[in-house]
Amino acid sequence: MTESETHGQPTAKPALFSRPLPILIFIVVAVILDQAIKIMVDRWLPLQEMVPVVPMLALYRTYNLGVAFSMLSGMDGWFIVGMRLIIVAFVLWLWRRTPGHRWLAHTGFALIIAGALGNLLDRFLYGHVIDYVLFHTQTWSFAVFNLADSFITIGAGCVILDELLMPKKAKA
């Protein structure tokens, strides 16, 4: 298309993560990295013993039977698996509807899918999710989480930031 065909707007090049092969490679590498770390944590980190790394950061292996922050830990495992699959399908649907030039949103969707698949794989393999990162002070601690959770959080942040930075259409 020429600029005249796009109403004076130059056509944008599709984002890297709007193309199938880079998306697939990124997601596979991210899930492999997440799973490799979890295997090492499960093998070598003591269960529910804090291993200090630096002030306010420790490694702490625990098993999460629920979702983020152990919410829904009393629910049936298959309910949680089904819920995660629905969320993955919804994110994929949003991703397909997002224009190719919105690279930040596409990056966010790739991160969300990678994180969701990493935790979903844990649920299938072990019946729980392996968490191991703990931020804390002497009087407070954040929920224990893992790399896949970080992917999901950073991905959601990218999608939100993309929405906030998107030019607003003028009202008629």
Protein backbone atom coordinates (compact mmCIF):
# COMPACT_ATOMS: atom_id res chain seq x y z
CA MET A 1 0.00 0.00 0.00
CA THR A 2 1.10 3.55 -0.60
CA GLU A 3 0.68 6.44 1.80
CA SER A 4 -2.36 7.63 -0.18
CA GLU A 5 -3.99 4.21 0.23
CA THR A 6 -3.53 4.40 4.01
CA HIS A 7 -4.92 7.95 4.34
CA GLY A 8 -1.50 9.58 4.62
CA GLN A 9 -0.25 7.15 7.25
CA PRO A 10 2.93 5.27 6.35
CA THR A 11 2.45 1.53 6.57
CA ALA A 12 4.15 0.02 9.59
CA LYS A 13 6.38 -3.01 9.39
CA PRO A 14 4.96 -5.99 11.33
CA ALA A 15 6.51 -6.54 14.75
CA LEU A 16 8.88 -9.45 15.24
CA PHE A 17 6.36 -11.17 17.52
CA SER A 18 3.52 -10.75 15.05
CA ARG A 19 5.13 -13.40 12.82
CA PRO A 20 4.67 -17.11 13.64
CA LEU A 21 8.25 -18.44 13.56
CA PRO A 22 9.86 -15.87 15.88
CA ILE A 23 6.90 -16.22 18.25
CA LEU A 24 7.22 -19.99 18.36
CA ILE A 25 11.00 -19.89 18.86
CA PHE A 26 10.72 -17.30 21.64
CA ILE A 27 7.97 -19.17 23.48
CA VAL A 28 9.75 -22.54 23.22
CA VAL A 29 13.06 -21.05 24.47
CA ALA A 30 11.30 -19.24 27.33
CA VAL A 31 9.44 -22.39 28.42
CA ILE A 32 12.63 -24.49 28.22
CA LEU A 33 14.49 -21.92 30.34
CA ASP A 34 11.66 -21.83 32.88
CA GLN A 35 11.51 -25.63 33.09
CA ALA A 36 15.31 -26.03 33.30
CA ILE A 37 15.45 -23.63 36.25
CA LYS A 38 12.55 -25.40 37.96
CA ILE A 39 14.24 -28.79 37.50
CA MET A 40 17.43 -27.44 39.11
CA VAL A 41 15.45 -25.82 41.93
CA ASP A 42 13.50 -29.01 42.57
CA ARG A 43 16.66 -31.10 42.55
CA TRP A 44 19.04 -28.93 44.58
CA LEU A 45 17.14 -26.34 46.62
CA PRO A 46 15.87 -27.53 50.01
CA LEU A 47 12.09 -27.53 50.40
CA GLN A 48 10.76 -24.51 52.32
CA GLU A 49 14.15 -23.37 53.60
CA MET A 50 15.22 -19.81 52.85
CA VAL A 51 18.55 -19.53 51.03
CA PRO A 52 19.63 -15.85 51.11
CA VAL A 53 20.99 -14.43 47.85
CA VAL A 54 21.28 -10.71 48.62
CA PRO A 55 19.47 -8.56 51.20
CA MET A 56 15.72 -8.80 50.57
CA LEU A 57 16.08 -11.63 48.01
CA ALA A 58 16.17 -15.33 48.76
CA LEU A 59 15.57 -18.62 47.05
CA TYR A 60 12.78 -20.59 48.69
CA ARG A 61 11.38 -23.71 47.04
CA THR A 62 7.71 -24.28 47.59
CA TYR A 63 4.89 -25.96 45.72
CA ASN A 64 1.91 -23.88 44.66
CA LEU A 65 -1.31 -25.85 44.27
CA GLY A 66 -3.29 -22.81 43.12
CA VAL A 67 -2.63 -19.93 40.77
CA ALA A 68 -0.79 -16.65 41.37
CA PHE A 69 -0.18 -15.96 45.07
CA SER A 70 -1.62 -19.44 45.86
CA MET A 71 -5.15 -18.23 45.12
CA LEU A 72 -7.61 -21.06 44.44
CA SER A 73 -5.27 -23.57 46.08
CA GLY A 74 -8.29 -25.43 47.44
CA MET A 75 -9.78 -25.94 43.97
CA ASP A 76 -9.54 -29.13 41.95
CA GLY A 77 -6.38 -29.29 39.81
CA TRP A 78 -8.34 -29.90 36.61
CA PHE A 79 -10.42 -26.78 37.24
CA ILE A 80 -7.21 -24.75 37.43
CA VAL A 81 -5.84 -26.43 34.28
CA GLY A 82 -9.09 -25.66 32.44
CA MET A 83 -9.07 -22.08 33.65
CA ARG A 84 -5.46 -21.61 32.48
CA LEU A 85 -6.27 -23.09 29.07
CA ILE A 86 -9.19 -20.68 28.69
CA ILE A 87 -6.91 -17.77 29.61
CA VAL A 88 -4.28 -18.92 27.07
CA ALA A 89 -6.98 -19.18 24.40
CA PHE A 90 -8.26 -15.69 25.26
CA VAL A 91 -4.74 -14.19 25.09
CA LEU A 92 -4.19 -15.90 21.72
CA TRP A 93 -7.49 -14.44 20.49
CA LEU A 94 -6.47 -10.94 21.65
CA TRP A 95 -3.06 -11.41 20.04
CA ARG A 96 -4.55 -12.30 16.66
CA ARG A 97 -6.79 -9.22 16.77
CA THR A 98 -3.90 -6.86 17.58
CA PRO A 99 -2.39 -5.04 14.57
CA GLY A 100 1.07 -6.28 13.58
CA HIS A 101 2.83 -2.95 14.15
CA ARG A 102 2.06 -2.92 17.89
CA TRP A 103 5.32 -4.60 18.88
CA LEU A 104 4.99 -3.92 22.60
CA ALA A 105 1.62 -5.67 22.82
CA HIS A 106 2.89 -8.59 20.73
CA THR A 107 5.94 -8.93 22.99
CA GLY A 108 3.62 -8.89 26.00
CA PHE A 109 1.36 -11.57 24.55
CA ALA A 110 4.40 -13.78 23.80
CA LEU A 111 5.60 -13.41 27.40
CA ILE A 112 2.14 -14.15 28.83
CA ILE A 113 1.77 -17.30 26.71
CA ALA A 114 5.30 -18.48 27.58
CA GLY A 115 4.66 -18.00 31.30
CA ALA A 116 1.25 -19.62 31.20
CA LEU A 117 2.60 -22.64 29.32
CA GLY A 118 5.54 -22.97 31.73
CA ASN A 119 3.21 -23.09 34.74
CA LEU A 120 0.72 -25.29 32.90
CA LEU A 121 3.50 -27.76 32.14
CA ASP A 122 4.35 -27.87 35.86
CA ARG A 123 0.74 -28.62 36.66
CA PHE A 124 0.69 -31.52 34.17
CA LEU A 125 4.08 -32.93 35.20
CA TYR A 126 3.97 -32.52 38.98
CA GLY A 127 0.41 -31.62 39.96
CA HIS A 128 1.66 -28.27 41.29
CA VAL A 129 3.74 -25.28 40.23
CA ILE A 130 7.31 -24.96 41.51
CA ASP A 131 7.94 -21.49 42.97
CA TYR A 132 11.34 -20.35 44.24
CA VAL A 133 11.90 -16.56 44.27
CA LEU A 134 11.18 -14.70 47.51
CA PHE A 135 11.43 -10.94 48.11
CA HIS A 136 11.29 -10.11 51.81
CA THR A 137 12.26 -7.84 54.69
CA GLN A 138 12.38 -8.68 58.39
CA THR A 139 8.69 -7.77 58.74
CA TRP A 140 7.24 -8.45 55.28
CA SER A 141 7.51 -10.92 52.44
CA PHE A 142 6.05 -11.03 48.96
CA ALA A 143 4.47 -14.19 47.55
CA VAL A 144 6.99 -16.77 46.33
CA PHE A 145 7.03 -16.87 42.52
CA ASN A 146 8.97 -18.23 39.54
CA LEU A 147 10.29 -17.17 36.13
CA ALA A 148 7.03 -18.07 34.38
CA ASP A 149 5.14 -15.79 36.79
CA SER A 150 7.62 -13.03 35.93
CA PHE A 151 6.99 -13.59 32.21
CA ILE A 152 3.24 -13.23 32.80
CA THR A 153 3.62 -10.08 34.92
CA ILE A 154 6.06 -8.38 32.55
CA GLY A 155 3.91 -9.41 29.58
CA ALA A 156 0.79 -7.93 31.16
CA GLY A 157 2.76 -4.75 31.86
CA CYS A 158 3.82 -4.58 28.19
CA VAL A 159 0.21 -4.96 27.00
CA ILE A 160 -1.02 -2.28 29.44
CA LEU A 161 1.82 0.07 28.48
CA ASP A 162 1.05 -0.48 24.80
CA GLU A 163 -2.58 0.50 25.43
CA LEU A 164 -1.54 3.60 27.38
CA LEU A 165 0.94 4.71 24.71
CA MET A 166 -1.41 4.10 21.80
CA PRO A 167 -2.56 7.35 20.18
CA LYS A 168 -6.16 8.13 21.03
CA LYS A 169 -8.64 8.67 18.21
CA ALA A 170 -10.14 12.15 18.07
CA LYS A 171 -13.82 12.31 18.95
CA ALA A 172 -16.07 13.36 16.07
